[in-house]
Amino acid sequence: MDSKRPYQYRALRRIATLLLVALTLASCTWVKDDTEECRYGFWLQLHYTYNILDVEAAPEYINDAFVYVYDTDGNYVRRIDVTRAQLTANNHRVRVEGLDEGDYQFVVWSGIGNSPYAVTEDTKTISDFRVQLAATGSTASTQLPDLYFGALPTVHYDNRYAVYDVSMMKDTNQLSCLAVSLADDSLTPDNCSLTMTASNSAMDARNRLSSPLKIEYTPFQQKAVTIDDPDYGELHGVQFSIKTLRLMADSDCRLLLHKKGQDEPVLNISLPEYIALIGSLYTNLGREVGLQEYLDRQDFYTVVLLFSEGLDQLLQLRVNSWRVRAYNHLKL
C-alpha cells in the first residue's frame, strides 16, 4: 500500500492544478471587472483628480463616458458609449476592443448625452468635432448638467494587456453670487437682475473654446437673502445661481448687475480678472497654481458684492471667502 501513495499524491496534485487553472479561467471570464487579476485587453482608466481638492473623484462624479477614437491623422474611427453601471463594474475603466492593430488617439467626454448639449460633425475628423449648448439663441438660463473632458495622445493598440490613464477635467462651473447693500431695500429680487456674458458656448475635441458667439447666462435661481456680516452686521440682498461652461483666463467673461429703471449696469466687471485679484491661488493641498489651472480645478464660486447705500460704490468684492477692496482695483 505504501508504494502506491506517491502515485496517488501525484495524481491528486495534477487534479488540484487542473482545478486551480479552471477556477482562474472562470474568474477571468465570469468576473469581467477584475482586470487587475485577469490582466487582459486594452483599457482606459478614467481619473478625476484635476479638482481643487486634489483627490480622486471619478467614482463619484463621472457617470458615463463617450469615447471617440481617431487614427493618427485625426480621422474618425468609432465611438464607444459606456454607462455608469459599466464604469462602476470595471472600476471606472473603459474596455477598447475590435480595432485593427495600430496607433490611435482617444477623446473622452462625460455628460454630453444630456439634452442641453449637442454634438456636431462627430463622424468625420477630429477637427470637425464640437460639443455645444443645444438651445439656439444667445441666452442660457438652465442648470447645466456637469460636463467632463479627457484625452489620450496617440498610443499603440494591439492584443496585449494595457491600461492607459486618462485625466478628466470638469467643464462646467456654478456661480453663487450674493449682491447686498448697506441699505435694506436697495436690492430685491424684483428690482435687480444679474447676468454673465461669455463666448464659451462650444468646445472642440481639444477642449478649446470654438465659438465667437457671446452667450448671456441668466440665473436658474434667485432669491432674497439675509446675511450676518462681521463688518457691517445684518445685510439684505439677492442671491443669484448661474451655471456656465468652461471659464478661460484670456476670454471676455463679465458679470453685470442691473437695477430696474436704470439703463447702465450698476456693476460690469471681468470675472477672471476679479478672481485673479485674490493673489496666490492654491489647491486644497496648498500647492500654488496659475489662474487658468485654478479656473479649471475650481468648479464652485461664491461671490459677494457689497454696495454702498446708493449703489454708487462697490465697497468690497469677495470670492470663496477671499476679500478684495474693489474700488482700489476695478472700475465699475
C-alpha atoms as a PDB file:
ATOM      1  CA  MET A   1       0.000   0.000   0.000  1.00  0.00           C
ATOM      2  CA  ASP A   2       2.837   2.407   0.853  1.00  0.00           C
ATOM      3  CA  SER A   3       4.343   2.014  -2.619  1.00  0.00           C
ATOM      4  CA  LYS A   4       1.138   3.324  -4.206  1.00  0.00           C
ATOM      5  CA  ARG A   5       0.975   6.518  -2.160  1.00  0.00           C
ATOM      6  CA  PRO A   6       3.482   8.567  -4.299  1.00  0.00           C
ATOM      7  CA  TYR A   7       1.361   7.859  -7.390  1.00  0.00           C
ATOM      8  CA  GLN A   8      -1.800   8.852  -5.516  1.00  0.00           C
ATOM      9  CA  TYR A   9      -0.187  12.067  -4.312  1.00  0.00           C
ATOM     10  CA  ARG A  10       0.984  12.929  -7.835  1.00  0.00           C
ATOM     11  CA  ALA A  11      -2.495  12.254  -9.205  1.00  0.00           C
ATOM     12  CA  LEU A  12      -4.071  14.435  -6.520  1.00  0.00           C
ATOM     13  CA  ARG A  13      -1.606  17.245  -7.268  1.00  0.00           C
ATOM     14  CA  ARG A  14      -2.439  17.071 -11.008  1.00  0.00           C
ATOM     15  CA  ILE A  15      -6.166  17.226 -10.227  1.00  0.00           C
ATOM     16  CA  ALA A  16      -5.641  20.173  -7.870  1.00  0.00           C
ATOM     17  CA  THR A  17      -3.590  22.006 -10.517  1.00  0.00           C
ATOM     18  CA  LEU A  18      -6.258  21.456 -13.173  1.00  0.00           C
ATOM     19  CA  LEU A  19      -8.942  22.706 -10.788  1.00  0.00           C
ATOM     20  CA  LEU A  20      -6.898  25.827  -9.991  1.00  0.00           C
ATOM     21  CA  VAL A  21      -6.413  26.598 -13.700  1.00  0.00           C
ATOM     22  CA  ALA A  22     -10.114  26.082 -14.358  1.00  0.00           C
ATOM     23  CA  LEU A  23     -11.072  28.386 -11.495  1.00  0.00           C
ATOM     24  CA  THR A  24      -8.641  31.053 -12.697  1.00  0.00           C
ATOM     25  CA  LEU A  25     -10.016  30.943 -16.234  1.00  0.00           C
ATOM     26  CA  ALA A  26     -13.552  31.026 -14.912  1.00  0.00           C
ATOM     27  CA  SER A  27     -12.801  34.070 -12.772  1.00  0.00           C
ATOM     28  CA  CYS A  28     -11.432  35.959 -15.778  1.00  0.00           C
ATOM     29  CA  THR A  29     -14.485  35.247 -17.864  1.00  0.00           C
ATOM     30  CA  TRP A  30     -17.145  35.369 -15.170  1.00  0.00           C
ATOM     31  CA  VAL A  31     -15.905  38.362 -13.165  1.00  0.00           C
ATOM     32  CA  LYS A  32     -15.085  40.704 -16.029  1.00  0.00           C
ATOM     33  CA  ASP A  33     -14.418  43.674 -13.765  1.00  0.00           C
ATOM     34  CA  ASP A  34     -11.431  42.035 -12.040  1.00  0.00           C
ATOM     35  CA  THR A  35      -8.960  43.436 -14.554  1.00  0.00           C
ATOM     36  CA  GLU A  36      -6.051  43.532 -12.105  1.00  0.00           C
ATOM     37  CA  GLU A  37      -6.230  39.767 -11.589  1.00  0.00           C
ATOM     38  CA  CYS A  38      -7.071  38.735 -15.135  1.00  0.00           C
ATOM     39  CA  ARG A  39      -4.866  41.249 -16.969  1.00  0.00           C
ATOM     40  CA  TYR A  40      -6.480  41.075 -20.373  1.00  0.00           C
ATOM     41  CA  GLY A  41      -7.465  43.608 -23.004  1.00  0.00           C
ATOM     42  CA  PHE A  42      -6.849  47.284 -23.731  1.00  0.00           C
ATOM     43  CA  TRP A  43      -8.287  49.644 -21.107  1.00  0.00           C
ATOM     44  CA  LEU A  44      -8.670  53.364 -20.484  1.00  0.00           C
ATOM     45  CA  GLN A  45      -8.566  54.179 -16.770  1.00  0.00           C
ATOM     46  CA  LEU A  46     -10.597  57.333 -16.074  1.00  0.00           C
ATOM     47  CA  HIS A  47      -9.370  59.624 -13.300  1.00  0.00           C
ATOM     48  CA  TYR A  48     -10.767  62.861 -11.926  1.00  0.00           C
ATOM     49  CA  THR A  49      -8.083  64.298  -9.665  1.00  0.00           C
ATOM     50  CA  TYR A  50      -7.875  67.615 -11.549  1.00  0.00           C
ATOM     51  CA  ASN A  51     -10.046  69.342  -8.955  1.00  0.00           C
ATOM     52  CA  ILE A  52      -9.465  71.873  -6.217  1.00  0.00           C
ATOM     53  CA  LEU A  53      -9.227  69.118  -3.574  1.00  0.00           C
ATOM     54  CA  ASP A  54      -6.533  67.154  -5.462  1.00  0.00           C
ATOM     55  CA  VAL A  55      -8.385  63.894  -4.744  1.00  0.00           C
ATOM     56  CA  GLU A  56      -9.649  61.033  -6.891  1.00  0.00           C
ATOM     57  CA  ALA A  57     -13.341  61.727  -7.522  1.00  0.00           C
ATOM     58  CA  ALA A  58     -14.077  59.768 -10.714  1.00  0.00           C
ATOM     59  CA  PRO A  59     -16.249  57.113  -8.998  1.00  0.00           C
ATOM     60  CA  GLU A  60     -18.448  59.838  -7.523  1.00  0.00           C
ATOM     61  CA  TYR A  61     -18.759  62.268 -10.451  1.00  0.00           C
ATOM     62  CA  ILE A  62     -18.017  60.525 -13.766  1.00  0.00           C
ATOM     63  CA  ASN A  63     -21.408  58.972 -14.540  1.00  0.00           C
ATOM     64  CA  ASP A  64     -20.878  57.895 -18.158  1.00  0.00           C
ATOM     65  CA  ALA A  65     -18.302  58.041 -20.918  1.00  0.00           C
ATOM     66  CA  PHE A  66     -18.363  58.715 -24.649  1.00  0.00           C
ATOM     67  CA  VAL A  67     -15.013  57.671 -26.086  1.00  0.00           C
ATOM     68  CA  TYR A  68     -14.157  58.994 -29.547  1.00  0.00           C
ATOM     69  CA  VAL A  69     -11.451  57.032 -31.338  1.00  0.00           C
ATOM     70  CA  TYR A  70      -9.368  58.681 -34.082  1.00  0.00           C
ATOM     71  CA  ASP A  71      -6.390  57.475 -36.102  1.00  0.00           C
ATOM     72  CA  THR A  72      -3.066  59.318 -36.134  1.00  0.00           C
ATOM     73  CA  ASP A  73      -4.304  61.644 -38.901  1.00  0.00           C
ATOM     74  CA  GLY A  74      -7.365  62.598 -36.888  1.00  0.00           C
ATOM     75  CA  ASN A  75      -9.851  60.578 -38.933  1.00  0.00           C
ATOM     76  CA  TYR A  76     -12.880  59.325 -37.010  1.00  0.00           C
ATOM     77  CA  VAL A  77     -12.820  55.565 -36.360  1.00  0.00           C
ATOM     78  CA  ARG A  78     -15.619  54.829 -33.904  1.00  0.00           C
ATOM     79  CA  ARG A  79     -17.382  55.880 -30.701  1.00  0.00           C
ATOM     80  CA  ILE A  80     -17.666  53.788 -27.550  1.00  0.00           C
ATOM     81  CA  ASP A  81     -20.593  54.558 -25.231  1.00  0.00           C
ATOM     82  CA  VAL A  82     -20.256  53.415 -21.630  1.00  0.00           C
ATOM     83  CA  THR A  83     -22.948  53.617 -18.948  1.00  0.00           C
ATOM     84  CA  ARG A  84     -22.440  54.327 -15.262  1.00  0.00           C
ATOM     85  CA  ALA A  85     -23.185  50.686 -14.448  1.00  0.00           C
ATOM     86  CA  GLN A  86     -20.431  49.538 -16.816  1.00  0.00           C
ATOM     87  CA  LEU A  87     -17.971  52.072 -15.406  1.00  0.00           C
ATOM     88  CA  THR A  88     -18.738  51.003 -11.853  1.00  0.00           C
ATOM     89  CA  ALA A  89     -18.395  47.307 -12.701  1.00  0.00           C
ATOM     90  CA  ASN A  90     -14.952  47.891 -14.202  1.00  0.00           C
ATOM     91  CA  ASN A  91     -13.552  50.315 -11.602  1.00  0.00           C
ATOM     92  CA  HIS A  92     -14.020  53.244 -13.994  1.00  0.00           C
ATOM     93  CA  ARG A  93     -12.084  51.553 -16.751  1.00  0.00           C
ATOM     94  CA  VAL A  94     -13.302  51.518 -20.348  1.00  0.00           C
ATOM     95  CA  ARG A  95     -12.595  48.411 -22.435  1.00  0.00           C
ATOM     96  CA  VAL A  96     -11.489  49.162 -26.011  1.00  0.00           C
ATOM     97  CA  GLU A  97     -11.741  46.258 -28.431  1.00  0.00           C
ATOM     98  CA  GLY A  98     -12.321  45.429 -32.077  1.00  0.00           C
ATOM     99  CA  LEU A  99      -9.763  47.853 -33.520  1.00  0.00           C
ATOM    100  CA  ASP A 100      -7.123  46.914 -36.053  1.00  0.00           C
ATOM    101  CA  GLU A 101      -3.630  46.915 -34.621  1.00  0.00           C
ATOM    102  CA  GLY A 102      -2.122  50.366 -34.966  1.00  0.00           C
ATOM    103  CA  ASP A 103      -1.811  53.812 -33.421  1.00  0.00           C
ATOM    104  CA  TYR A 104      -4.869  55.727 -32.192  1.00  0.00           C
ATOM    105  CA  GLN A 105      -5.816  58.791 -30.198  1.00  0.00           C
ATOM    106  CA  PHE A 106      -8.762  58.922 -27.809  1.00  0.00           C
ATOM    107  CA  VAL A 107     -11.035  61.761 -26.701  1.00  0.00           C
ATOM    108  CA  VAL A 108     -13.331  61.124 -23.737  1.00  0.00           C
ATOM    109  CA  TRP A 109     -16.403  63.129 -22.727  1.00  0.00           C
ATOM    110  CA  SER A 110     -18.783  62.583 -19.848  1.00  0.00           C
ATOM    111  CA  GLY A 111     -22.183  64.254 -19.697  1.00  0.00           C
ATOM    112  CA  ILE A 112     -22.628  65.137 -23.380  1.00  0.00           C
ATOM    113  CA  GLY A 113     -25.624  62.821 -23.644  1.00  0.00           C
ATOM    114  CA  ASN A 114     -27.729  65.240 -21.616  1.00  0.00           C
ATOM    115  CA  SER A 115     -30.286  67.292 -23.546  1.00  0.00           C
ATOM    116  CA  PRO A 116     -28.758  70.764 -23.013  1.00  0.00           C
ATOM    117  CA  TYR A 117     -25.769  69.690 -25.152  1.00  0.00           C
ATOM    118  CA  ALA A 118     -25.433  68.934 -28.857  1.00  0.00           C
ATOM    119  CA  VAL A 119     -22.573  67.137 -30.594  1.00  0.00           C
ATOM    120  CA  THR A 120     -21.933  68.095 -34.214  1.00  0.00           C
ATOM    121  CA  GLU A 121     -19.893  66.505 -37.023  1.00  0.00           C
ATOM    122  CA  ASP A 122     -18.552  63.737 -34.807  1.00  0.00           C
ATOM    123  CA  THR A 123     -18.073  61.111 -37.556  1.00  0.00           C
ATOM    124  CA  LYS A 124     -15.599  62.837 -39.873  1.00  0.00           C
ATOM    125  CA  THR A 125     -12.350  64.160 -38.428  1.00  0.00           C
ATOM    126  CA  ILE A 126     -11.185  65.308 -35.039  1.00  0.00           C
ATOM    127  CA  SER A 127     -11.165  68.919 -36.230  1.00  0.00           C
ATOM    128  CA  ASP A 128     -14.893  68.718 -37.026  1.00  0.00           C
ATOM    129  CA  PHE A 129     -15.929  67.777 -33.518  1.00  0.00           C
ATOM    130  CA  ARG A 130     -17.949  70.271 -31.432  1.00  0.00           C
ATOM    131  CA  VAL A 131     -19.913  69.968 -28.223  1.00  0.00           C
ATOM    132  CA  GLN A 132     -22.068  72.991 -27.606  1.00  0.00           C
ATOM    133  CA  LEU A 133     -25.211  74.283 -25.976  1.00  0.00           C
ATOM    134  CA  ALA A 134     -28.155  72.748 -27.794  1.00  0.00           C
ATOM    135  CA  ALA A 135     -30.513  75.704 -27.359  1.00  0.00           C
ATOM    136  CA  THR A 136     -30.499  78.214 -30.189  1.00  0.00           C
ATOM    137  CA  GLY A 137     -30.128  81.897 -29.465  1.00  0.00           C
ATOM    138  CA  SER A 138     -27.782  83.829 -27.215  1.00  0.00           C
ATOM    139  CA  THR A 139     -29.300  83.207 -23.768  1.00  0.00           C
ATOM    140  CA  ALA A 140     -28.844  80.276 -21.390  1.00  0.00           C
ATOM    141  CA  SER A 141     -30.775  80.020 -18.142  1.00  0.00           C
ATOM    142  CA  THR A 142     -30.837  76.313 -17.284  1.00  0.00           C
ATOM    143  CA  GLN A 143     -28.916  74.481 -14.606  1.00  0.00           C
ATOM    144  CA  LEU A 144     -26.466  72.805 -16.974  1.00  0.00           C
ATOM    145  CA  PRO A 145     -25.587  69.156 -16.244  1.00  0.00           C
ATOM    146  CA  ASP A 146     -21.955  68.547 -15.347  1.00  0.00           C
ATOM    147  CA  LEU A 147     -19.626  68.097 -18.306  1.00  0.00           C
ATOM    148  CA  TYR A 148     -16.168  66.476 -18.225  1.00  0.00           C
ATOM    149  CA  PHE A 149     -13.373  66.162 -20.790  1.00  0.00           C
ATOM    150  CA  GLY A 150     -10.308  63.955 -21.122  1.00  0.00           C
ATOM    151  CA  ALA A 151      -7.868  62.991 -23.882  1.00  0.00           C
ATOM    152  CA  LEU A 152      -5.158  60.434 -24.531  1.00  0.00           C
ATOM    153  CA  PRO A 153      -2.486  61.262 -27.124  1.00  0.00           C
ATOM    154  CA  THR A 154      -1.511  58.706 -29.746  1.00  0.00           C
ATOM    155  CA  VAL A 155      -0.840  55.234 -28.307  1.00  0.00           C
ATOM    156  CA  HIS A 156      -0.376  51.801 -29.872  1.00  0.00           C
ATOM    157  CA  TYR A 157      -3.259  49.344 -29.798  1.00  0.00           C
ATOM    158  CA  ASP A 158      -2.794  45.567 -30.050  1.00  0.00           C
ATOM    159  CA  ASN A 159      -3.894  42.397 -28.302  1.00  0.00           C
ATOM    160  CA  ARG A 160      -1.570  42.761 -25.337  1.00  0.00           C
ATOM    161  CA  TYR A 161      -2.834  43.801 -21.907  1.00  0.00           C
ATOM    162  CA  ALA A 162      -2.525  47.562 -21.423  1.00  0.00           C
ATOM    163  CA  VAL A 163      -4.051  50.216 -19.156  1.00  0.00           C
ATOM    164  CA  TYR A 164      -3.720  53.909 -20.040  1.00  0.00           C
ATOM    165  CA  ASP A 165      -4.637  56.703 -17.632  1.00  0.00           C
ATOM    166  CA  VAL A 166      -6.987  59.437 -18.859  1.00  0.00           C
ATOM    167  CA  SER A 167      -7.258  62.543 -16.690  1.00  0.00           C
ATOM    168  CA  MET A 168     -10.701  64.143 -16.789  1.00  0.00           C
ATOM    169  CA  MET A 169     -11.399  67.845 -16.290  1.00  0.00           C
ATOM    170  CA  LYS A 170     -14.691  69.499 -15.382  1.00  0.00           C
ATOM    171  CA  ASP A 171     -16.056  71.934 -17.977  1.00  0.00           C
ATOM    172  CA  THR A 172     -18.991  73.341 -16.006  1.00  0.00           C
ATOM    173  CA  ASN A 173     -18.941  75.860 -13.181  1.00  0.00           C
ATOM    174  CA  GLN A 174     -21.566  77.124 -10.768  1.00  0.00           C
ATOM    175  CA  LEU A 175     -21.589  80.708  -9.565  1.00  0.00           C
ATOM    176  CA  SER A 176     -23.455  81.678  -6.399  1.00  0.00           C
ATOM    177  CA  CYS A 177     -23.490  85.467  -6.362  1.00  0.00           C
ATOM    178  CA  LEU A 178     -24.780  87.487  -3.420  1.00  0.00           C
ATOM    179  CA  ALA A 179     -25.481  91.173  -4.097  1.00  0.00           C
ATOM    180  CA  VAL A 180     -26.072  93.066  -0.856  1.00  0.00           C
ATOM    181  CA  SER A 181     -26.288  96.734   0.086  1.00  0.00           C
ATOM    182  CA  LEU A 182     -25.910  98.780   3.250  1.00  0.00           C
ATOM    183  CA  ALA A 183     -29.468  99.946   2.586  1.00  0.00           C
ATOM    184  CA  ASP A 184     -32.131  97.331   3.373  1.00  0.00           C
ATOM    185  CA  ASP A 185     -34.328  97.975   0.359  1.00  0.00           C
ATOM    186  CA  SER A 186     -31.748  98.774  -2.326  1.00  0.00           C
ATOM    187  CA  LEU A 187     -31.585  95.278  -3.815  1.00  0.00           C
ATOM    188  CA  THR A 188     -34.519  92.847  -4.035  1.00  0.00           C
ATOM    189  CA  PRO A 189     -35.431  90.012  -6.424  1.00  0.00           C
ATOM    190  CA  ASP A 190     -37.980  92.341  -8.032  1.00  0.00           C
ATOM    191  CA  ASN A 191     -35.783  95.349  -8.743  1.00  0.00           C
ATOM    192  CA  CYS A 192     -32.445  93.881  -9.885  1.00  0.00           C
ATOM    193  CA  SER A 193     -31.039  91.208 -12.217  1.00  0.00           C
ATOM    194  CA  LEU A 194     -27.661  89.560 -12.720  1.00  0.00           C
ATOM    195  CA  THR A 195     -26.209  88.165 -15.952  1.00  0.00           C
ATOM    196  CA  MET A 196     -22.902  86.702 -17.011  1.00  0.00           C
ATOM    197  CA  THR A 197     -21.685  87.054 -20.601  1.00  0.00           C
ATOM    198  CA  ALA A 198     -19.016  84.873 -22.195  1.00  0.00           C
ATOM    199  CA  SER A 199     -18.061  83.436 -25.582  1.00  0.00           C
ATOM    200  CA  ASN A 200     -17.866  79.873 -24.276  1.00  0.00           C
ATOM    201  CA  SER A 201     -20.889  78.098 -25.753  1.00  0.00           C
ATOM    202  CA  ALA A 202     -18.871  75.462 -27.657  1.00  0.00           C
ATOM    203  CA  MET A 203     -15.700  73.380 -27.220  1.00  0.00           C
ATOM    204  CA  ASP A 204     -13.692  71.394 -29.734  1.00  0.00           C
ATOM    205  CA  ALA A 205     -12.017  67.992 -29.362  1.00  0.00           C
ATOM    206  CA  ARG A 206      -9.036  69.681 -27.644  1.00  0.00           C
ATOM    207  CA  ASN A 207     -11.336  71.338 -25.090  1.00  0.00           C
ATOM    208  CA  ARG A 208     -10.706  74.765 -26.558  1.00  0.00           C
ATOM    209  CA  LEU A 209     -13.429  77.381 -26.908  1.00  0.00           C
ATOM    210  CA  SER A 210     -14.551  77.267 -30.521  1.00  0.00           C
ATOM    211  CA  SER A 211     -17.354  79.775 -30.983  1.00  0.00           C
ATOM    212  CA  PRO A 212     -17.269  83.592 -31.033  1.00  0.00           C
ATOM    213  CA  LEU A 213     -20.960  83.707 -30.136  1.00  0.00           C
ATOM    214  CA  LYS A 214     -21.433  85.611 -26.901  1.00  0.00           C
ATOM    215  CA  ILE A 215     -23.837  83.857 -24.532  1.00  0.00           C
ATOM    216  CA  GLU A 216     -25.763  85.651 -21.828  1.00  0.00           C
ATOM    217  CA  TYR A 217     -26.123  83.327 -18.850  1.00  0.00           C
ATOM    218  CA  THR A 218     -29.067  84.211 -16.624  1.00  0.00           C
ATOM    219  CA  PRO A 219     -29.808  82.726 -13.180  1.00  0.00           C
ATOM    220  CA  PHE A 220     -31.662  79.436 -12.907  1.00  0.00           C
ATOM    221  CA  GLN A 221     -32.494  80.557  -9.369  1.00  0.00           C
ATOM    222  CA  GLN A 222     -32.650  83.860  -7.488  1.00  0.00           C
ATOM    223  CA  LYS A 223     -33.998  84.654  -4.033  1.00  0.00           C
ATOM    224  CA  ALA A 224     -33.887  87.214  -1.240  1.00  0.00           C
ATOM    225  CA  VAL A 225     -31.205  86.589   1.403  1.00  0.00           C
ATOM    226  CA  THR A 226     -30.139  87.988   4.755  1.00  0.00           C
ATOM    227  CA  ILE A 227     -26.534  87.626   5.874  1.00  0.00           C
ATOM    228  CA  ASP A 228     -24.763  88.460   9.125  1.00  0.00           C
ATOM    229  CA  ASP A 229     -21.641  90.330   8.063  1.00  0.00           C
ATOM    230  CA  PRO A 230     -18.759  90.620  10.585  1.00  0.00           C
ATOM    231  CA  ASP A 231     -18.021  94.192   9.443  1.00  0.00           C
ATOM    232  CA  TYR A 232     -21.477  95.620   8.739  1.00  0.00           C
ATOM    233  CA  GLY A 233     -23.912  93.484  10.714  1.00  0.00           C
ATOM    234  CA  GLU A 234     -27.186  92.251   9.195  1.00  0.00           C
ATOM    235  CA  LEU A 235     -27.420  92.874   5.453  1.00  0.00           C
ATOM    236  CA  HIS A 236     -30.175  92.161   2.932  1.00  0.00           C
ATOM    237  CA  GLY A 237     -29.879  91.411  -0.746  1.00  0.00           C
ATOM    238  CA  VAL A 238     -30.330  88.838  -3.502  1.00  0.00           C
ATOM    239  CA  GLN A 239     -28.640  85.505  -4.212  1.00  0.00           C
ATOM    240  CA  PHE A 240     -28.251  84.505  -7.875  1.00  0.00           C
ATOM    241  CA  SER A 241     -27.271  80.988  -9.030  1.00  0.00           C
ATOM    242  CA  ILE A 242     -25.762  80.626 -12.515  1.00  0.00           C
ATOM    243  CA  LYS A 243     -24.293  77.582 -14.269  1.00  0.00           C
ATOM    244  CA  THR A 244     -21.759  78.203 -17.043  1.00  0.00           C
ATOM    245  CA  LEU A 245     -19.422  76.286 -19.332  1.00  0.00           C
ATOM    246  CA  ARG A 246     -15.629  76.450 -19.114  1.00  0.00           C
ATOM    247  CA  LEU A 247     -14.099  79.711 -17.889  1.00  0.00           C
ATOM    248  CA  MET A 248     -10.940  80.917 -19.622  1.00  0.00           C
ATOM    249  CA  ALA A 249      -8.476  83.394 -18.164  1.00  0.00           C
ATOM    250  CA  ASP A 250      -7.969  85.152 -21.504  1.00  0.00           C
ATOM    251  CA  SER A 251     -11.650  85.322 -22.531  1.00  0.00           C
ATOM    252  CA  ASP A 252     -14.044  88.225 -22.048  1.00  0.00           C
ATOM    253  CA  CYS A 253     -16.281  86.857 -19.315  1.00  0.00           C
ATOM    254  CA  ARG A 254     -18.189  89.564 -17.473  1.00  0.00           C
ATOM    255  CA  LEU A 255     -20.605  89.900 -14.563  1.00  0.00           C
ATOM    256  CA  LEU A 256     -23.301  92.545 -14.943  1.00  0.00           C
ATOM    257  CA  LEU A 257     -25.783  93.687 -12.307  1.00  0.00           C
ATOM    258  CA  HIS A 258     -28.715  95.801 -13.460  1.00  0.00           C
ATOM    259  CA  LYS A 259     -31.253  97.659 -11.370  1.00  0.00           C
ATOM    260  CA  LYS A 260     -34.748  98.191 -12.745  1.00  0.00           C
ATOM    261  CA  GLY A 261     -35.242 101.641 -14.233  1.00  0.00           C
ATOM    262  CA  GLN A 262     -31.529 102.250 -14.890  1.00  0.00           C
ATOM    263  CA  ASP A 263     -30.042 101.958 -18.386  1.00  0.00           C
ATOM    264  CA  GLU A 264     -26.442 101.471 -17.289  1.00  0.00           C
ATOM    265  CA  PRO A 265     -25.482  98.454 -15.166  1.00  0.00           C
ATOM    266  CA  VAL A 266     -24.652  99.002 -11.521  1.00  0.00           C
ATOM    267  CA  LEU A 267     -21.782  96.537 -11.945  1.00  0.00           C
ATOM    268  CA  ASN A 268     -19.794  95.430 -15.007  1.00  0.00           C
ATOM    269  CA  ILE A 269     -16.574  93.537 -14.217  1.00  0.00           C
ATOM    270  CA  SER A 270     -14.383  90.799 -15.694  1.00  0.00           C
ATOM    271  CA  LEU A 271     -14.902  87.628 -13.639  1.00  0.00           C
ATOM    272  CA  PRO A 272     -11.443  86.084 -14.397  1.00  0.00           C
ATOM    273  CA  GLU A 273      -9.800  89.410 -13.560  1.00  0.00           C
ATOM    274  CA  TYR A 274     -11.821  89.547 -10.366  1.00  0.00           C
ATOM    275  CA  ILE A 275     -10.710  86.024  -9.379  1.00  0.00           C
ATOM    276  CA  ALA A 276      -7.085  86.863 -10.204  1.00  0.00           C
ATOM    277  CA  LEU A 277      -7.195  89.672  -7.629  1.00  0.00           C
ATOM    278  CA  ILE A 278      -7.206  87.024  -4.906  1.00  0.00           C
ATOM    279  CA  GLY A 279      -3.447  86.915  -5.365  1.00  0.00           C
ATOM    280  CA  SER A 280      -1.941  83.479  -4.756  1.00  0.00           C
ATOM    281  CA  LEU A 281      -4.238  80.639  -5.855  1.00  0.00           C
ATOM    282  CA  TYR A 282      -3.943  77.263  -4.156  1.00  0.00           C
ATOM    283  CA  THR A 283      -5.456  73.804  -4.274  1.00  0.00           C
ATOM    284  CA  ASN A 284      -6.674  72.141  -1.099  1.00  0.00           C
ATOM    285  CA  LEU A 285      -3.228  70.583  -0.586  1.00  0.00           C
ATOM    286  CA  GLY A 286      -1.580  74.001  -0.502  1.00  0.00           C
ATOM    287  CA  ARG A 287       0.016  73.803  -3.936  1.00  0.00           C
ATOM    288  CA  GLU A 288       0.066  77.142  -5.732  1.00  0.00           C
ATOM    289  CA  VAL A 289      -1.340  77.165  -9.269  1.00  0.00           C
ATOM    290  CA  GLY A 290      -1.817  79.667 -12.067  1.00  0.00           C
ATOM    291  CA  LEU A 291      -5.098  81.374 -12.858  1.00  0.00           C
ATOM    292  CA  GLN A 292      -6.170  79.051 -15.701  1.00  0.00           C
ATOM    293  CA  GLU A 293      -5.454  75.921 -13.691  1.00  0.00           C
ATOM    294  CA  TYR A 294      -7.404  77.387 -10.778  1.00  0.00           C
ATOM    295  CA  LEU A 295     -10.350  78.147 -13.071  1.00  0.00           C
ATOM    296  CA  ASP A 296     -10.242  74.566 -14.378  1.00  0.00           C
ATOM    297  CA  ARG A 297      -9.932  72.935 -10.962  1.00  0.00           C
ATOM    298  CA  GLN A 298     -12.402  75.113  -9.045  1.00  0.00           C
ATOM    299  CA  ASP A 299     -15.985  74.375 -10.046  1.00  0.00           C
ATOM    300  CA  PHE A 300     -17.944  76.426  -7.496  1.00  0.00           C
ATOM    301  CA  TYR A 301     -17.580  80.144  -6.839  1.00  0.00           C
ATOM    302  CA  THR A 302     -19.226  82.114  -4.058  1.00  0.00           C
ATOM    303  CA  VAL A 303     -19.132  85.789  -4.980  1.00  0.00           C
ATOM    304  CA  VAL A 304     -20.260  88.548  -2.619  1.00  0.00           C
ATOM    305  CA  LEU A 305     -20.802  92.083  -3.934  1.00  0.00           C
ATOM    306  CA  LEU A 306     -21.141  94.645  -1.164  1.00  0.00           C
ATOM    307  CA  PHE A 307     -22.531  98.015  -2.278  1.00  0.00           C
ATOM    308  CA  SER A 308     -22.948 101.376  -0.589  1.00  0.00           C
ATOM    309  CA  GLU A 309     -26.448 102.598   0.222  1.00  0.00           C
ATOM    310  CA  GLY A 310     -26.868 104.456  -3.062  1.00  0.00           C
ATOM    311  CA  LEU A 311     -25.375 101.584  -5.108  1.00  0.00           C
ATOM    312  CA  ASP A 312     -22.873 104.105  -6.480  1.00  0.00           C
ATOM    313  CA  GLN A 313     -19.866 102.401  -4.922  1.00  0.00           C
ATOM    314  CA  LEU A 314     -18.805  98.766  -4.649  1.00  0.00           C
ATOM    315  CA  LEU A 315     -17.224  98.616  -1.221  1.00  0.00           C
ATOM    316  CA  GLN A 316     -15.962  95.067  -1.288  1.00  0.00           C
ATOM    317  CA  LEU A 317     -15.611  92.016  -3.513  1.00  0.00           C
ATOM    318  CA  ARG A 318     -15.331  88.535  -2.082  1.00  0.00           C
ATOM    319  CA  VAL A 319     -14.695  85.280  -3.871  1.00  0.00           C
ATOM    320  CA  ASN A 320     -14.652  81.987  -1.977  1.00  0.00           C
ATOM    321  CA  SER A 321     -14.114  83.904   1.300  1.00  0.00           C
ATOM    322  CA  TRP A 322     -11.205  85.987  -0.059  1.00  0.00           C
ATOM    323  CA  ARG A 323     -11.746  89.746   0.174  1.00  0.00           C
ATOM    324  CA  VAL A 324     -10.760  92.463  -2.260  1.00  0.00           C
ATOM    325  CA  ARG A 325     -11.311  96.165  -1.671  1.00  0.00           C
ATOM    326  CA  ALA A 326     -12.844  96.588  -5.079  1.00  0.00           C
ATOM    327  CA  TYR A 327     -12.731 100.324  -5.541  1.00  0.00           C
ATOM    328  CA  ASN A 328      -8.933 100.269  -5.279  1.00  0.00           C
ATOM    329  CA  HIS A 329      -8.649  97.872  -8.223  1.00  0.00           C
ATOM    330  CA  LEU A 330     -11.589  97.862 -10.602  1.00  0.00           C
ATOM    331  CA  LYS A 331     -13.578 100.446 -12.412  1.00  0.00           C
ATOM    332  CA  LEU A 332     -17.286  99.684 -12.153  1.00  0.00           C
END
